[in-house]
Amino acid sequence: MHVEIRQATQSDYQGISDLAMSAFGISEGPEIVQLIGDLSADVTAQPVLSLVAATHGSIVGHVLFSKVRLKPSSHKVSAAILAPLAVHPDFQSRGIGGKLISEGLRQLSHSGVDLVFVLGHPGYYPRFGFSAAGSKGFQAPYPISPKNADAWMVLELRPGIIGNTSGQVICADALADPRHWCE
């Protein structure tokens, strides 16, 4: 099966919305669809990197990275957050999510992003180089319970950043709702 990873376009929005509903279901899908739309329009999230995975003309995966900043301010550090990631249930466990993440990280690195954060499954994201962020001095926008501390992760795209900077991650307005930070 050939899967094309490419930049999302405005004409992909319906396919991305349908994908999010399929991947997250009726309970979480509408909130994720709203979040994707809100982040795409939120000036505080810019620049966003929105990638889709397509096969046979259908969108089967999507990842969105948006800008974050550190408090206290560190103008020398460029950072992003990965949220959300979705793969259609019929296409899961085929490496599509990994391809989306890897291509996104490659593009972010080339664009000068230094750090990437994610609140996600600690059994999945470390395979891409993510590791616990809290122990490295990076606090999430909202408190993460100690039992789930390993779900808050960071990846250094430019060596020498971790250990030389720290702080609280301030995300885009659209992502700054406590309900998005329940792990």
Protein backbone atom coordinates (compact mmCIF):
# COMPACT_ATOMS: atom_id res chain seq x y z
CA MET A 1 0.00 0.00 0.00
CA HIS A 2 1.43 3.35 -1.06
CA VAL A 3 0.83 6.19 1.40
CA GLU A 4 1.65 9.77 0.44
CA ILE A 5 2.60 12.17 3.25
CA ARG A 6 1.96 15.78 2.24
CA GLN A 7 1.02 19.22 3.51
CA ALA A 8 -2.67 19.52 4.28
CA THR A 9 -4.62 21.96 2.14
CA GLN A 10 -7.84 23.85 2.78
CA SER A 11 -9.66 21.33 0.58
CA ASP A 12 -8.55 18.52 2.95
CA TYR A 13 -10.49 19.91 5.93
CA GLN A 14 -13.59 17.72 5.42
CA GLY A 15 -11.45 14.60 5.01
CA ILE A 16 -9.45 15.50 8.13
CA SER A 17 -12.70 16.05 10.06
CA ASP A 18 -14.12 12.71 8.89
CA LEU A 19 -10.84 11.02 9.84
CA ALA A 20 -10.89 12.54 13.34
CA MET A 21 -14.45 11.35 13.87
CA SER A 22 -13.50 7.82 12.77
CA ALA A 23 -10.31 7.74 14.85
CA PHE A 24 -11.68 9.31 18.05
CA GLY A 25 -15.32 8.25 17.89
CA ILE A 26 -18.46 10.09 18.83
CA SER A 27 -17.30 10.82 22.38
CA GLU A 28 -14.03 12.64 21.53
CA GLY A 29 -14.28 13.20 17.77
CA PRO A 30 -16.31 16.44 17.78
CA GLU A 31 -13.89 18.04 20.28
CA ILE A 32 -10.88 17.01 18.17
CA VAL A 33 -12.49 18.31 14.97
CA GLN A 34 -13.16 21.62 16.74
CA LEU A 35 -9.57 21.74 18.07
CA ILE A 36 -8.09 21.17 14.59
CA GLY A 37 -10.20 23.97 13.14
CA ASP A 38 -9.45 26.29 16.04
CA LEU A 39 -5.69 25.67 15.92
CA SER A 40 -5.59 26.17 12.17
CA ALA A 41 -7.23 29.61 12.56
CA ASP A 42 -5.52 30.66 15.83
CA VAL A 43 -2.85 33.31 15.24
CA THR A 44 -1.14 32.30 18.51
CA ALA A 45 -0.64 28.78 17.09
CA GLN A 46 1.12 29.96 13.95
CA PRO A 47 2.99 28.65 12.25
CA VAL A 48 1.23 25.31 12.24
CA LEU A 49 2.45 22.28 10.37
CA SER A 50 -0.48 20.16 9.22
CA LEU A 51 0.35 16.93 7.39
CA VAL A 52 -1.94 14.27 5.96
CA ALA A 53 -1.37 10.69 4.94
CA ALA A 54 -3.35 9.80 1.82
CA THR A 55 -3.87 6.61 -0.11
CA HIS A 56 -6.05 6.16 -3.19
CA GLY A 57 -7.30 9.73 -2.77
CA SER A 58 -8.50 9.24 0.81
CA ILE A 59 -7.04 10.82 3.92
CA VAL A 60 -6.12 8.04 6.34
CA GLY A 61 -3.90 9.99 8.76
CA HIS A 62 -3.30 13.50 10.04
CA VAL A 63 -0.90 15.24 12.40
CA LEU A 64 -0.82 18.85 13.53
CA PHE A 65 2.09 20.68 15.12
CA SER A 66 1.55 24.20 16.48
CA LYS A 67 3.81 26.83 17.96
CA VAL A 68 4.39 27.05 21.71
CA ARG A 69 6.59 29.32 23.79
CA LEU A 70 8.40 28.96 27.09
CA LYS A 71 7.80 31.01 30.21
CA PRO A 72 10.05 32.62 31.30
CA SER A 73 10.56 33.86 27.78
CA SER A 74 13.45 32.42 25.85
CA HIS A 75 13.55 34.15 22.48
CA LYS A 76 16.40 31.91 21.41
CA VAL A 77 14.29 28.73 21.61
CA SER A 78 11.72 27.82 18.98
CA ALA A 79 9.25 25.14 20.07
CA ALA A 80 6.16 23.29 18.85
CA ILE A 81 3.65 20.81 20.22
CA LEU A 82 2.30 17.72 18.49
CA ALA A 83 -1.48 17.62 18.89
CA PRO A 84 -3.50 15.90 17.61
CA LEU A 85 -2.41 12.78 15.73
CA ALA A 86 -5.07 10.58 14.11
CA VAL A 87 -4.99 7.47 11.94
CA HIS A 88 -8.15 5.88 10.57
CA PRO A 89 -8.93 2.66 12.51
CA ASP A 90 -8.75 0.58 9.30
CA PHE A 91 -5.17 1.78 8.75
CA GLN A 92 -3.76 1.65 12.27
CA SER A 93 -0.70 -0.48 13.11
CA ARG A 94 0.71 0.02 9.60
CA GLY A 95 3.26 2.70 10.48
CA ILE A 96 1.22 5.63 9.14
CA GLY A 97 1.30 7.55 12.42
CA GLY A 98 5.05 7.04 12.58
CA LYS A 99 5.51 8.32 9.03
CA LEU A 100 3.48 11.44 9.84
CA ILE A 101 5.47 12.10 13.02
CA SER A 102 8.85 11.46 11.37
CA GLU A 103 8.09 13.72 8.40
CA GLY A 104 6.74 16.42 10.72
CA LEU A 105 9.85 16.30 12.88
CA ARG A 106 12.05 16.44 9.79
CA GLN A 107 10.25 19.52 8.46
CA LEU A 108 10.25 21.22 11.87
CA SER A 109 13.98 20.60 12.25
CA HIS A 110 14.66 22.11 8.82
CA SER A 111 12.54 25.15 9.71
CA GLY A 112 14.61 25.85 12.84
CA VAL A 113 12.38 24.44 15.58
CA ASP A 114 14.47 23.42 18.60
CA LEU A 115 12.05 21.49 20.83
CA VAL A 116 8.85 19.51 20.24
CA PHE A 117 6.46 18.59 23.06
CA VAL A 118 3.66 16.04 23.24
CA LEU A 119 1.18 14.78 25.82
CA GLY A 120 0.77 11.21 24.72
CA HIS A 121 1.25 7.53 25.34
CA PRO A 122 4.66 6.93 26.97
CA GLY A 123 4.86 3.56 25.26
CA TYR A 124 4.55 5.06 21.76
CA TYR A 125 6.33 8.40 21.46
CA PRO A 126 9.77 7.41 22.86
CA ARG A 127 10.42 5.44 19.65
CA PHE A 128 10.71 8.85 17.94
CA GLY A 129 13.11 10.18 20.58
CA PHE A 130 10.62 11.77 23.00
CA SER A 131 11.32 11.45 26.72
CA ALA A 132 9.82 12.76 29.96
CA ALA A 133 9.76 16.58 29.87
CA GLY A 134 9.06 17.33 33.53
CA SER A 135 12.31 15.80 34.74
CA LYS A 136 14.14 18.01 32.22
CA GLY A 137 12.64 21.22 33.62
CA PHE A 138 9.67 21.69 31.27
CA GLN A 139 6.28 22.07 32.90
CA ALA A 140 3.08 21.40 30.94
CA PRO A 141 0.58 24.23 30.47
CA TYR A 142 -1.57 22.55 33.14
CA PRO A 143 -0.49 20.20 35.93
CA ILE A 144 -0.03 16.55 34.99
CA SER A 145 -0.76 14.08 37.76
CA PRO A 146 2.39 12.35 39.08
CA LYS A 147 1.11 8.92 37.98
CA ASN A 148 1.01 10.21 34.38
CA ALA A 149 4.14 12.36 34.44
CA ASP A 150 5.81 10.22 31.75
CA ALA A 151 3.03 11.15 29.30
CA TRP A 152 4.37 14.75 29.13
CA MET A 153 7.34 14.47 26.77
CA VAL A 154 9.88 16.54 24.88
CA LEU A 155 12.17 15.94 21.91
CA GLU A 156 15.26 18.03 21.27
CA LEU A 157 15.74 18.78 17.56
CA ARG A 158 18.77 21.01 18.11
CA PRO A 159 21.40 19.58 20.49
CA GLY A 160 22.28 21.66 23.53
CA ILE A 161 18.84 23.10 24.24
CA ILE A 162 17.83 20.67 27.00
CA GLY A 163 19.87 21.46 30.08
CA ASN A 164 20.36 25.07 29.02
CA THR A 165 16.73 26.19 29.10
CA SER A 166 13.61 25.29 31.05
CA GLY A 167 10.22 26.68 31.93
CA GLN A 168 6.51 26.27 31.52
CA VAL A 169 5.17 25.59 28.05
CA ILE A 170 2.58 28.13 26.95
CA CYS A 171 0.52 26.81 24.08
CA ALA A 172 -1.80 28.51 21.61
CA ASP A 173 -5.05 29.95 22.90
CA ALA A 174 -7.05 27.17 21.18
CA LEU A 175 -5.10 24.51 23.10
CA ALA A 176 -5.08 26.38 26.41
CA ASP A 177 -8.20 24.71 27.75
CA PRO A 178 -7.68 22.41 30.77
CA ARG A 179 -9.87 19.71 29.19
CA HIS A 180 -7.18 19.18 26.53
CA TRP A 181 -4.66 18.36 29.28
CA CYS A 182 -6.32 15.37 30.88
CA GLU A 183 -4.08 12.42 30.28
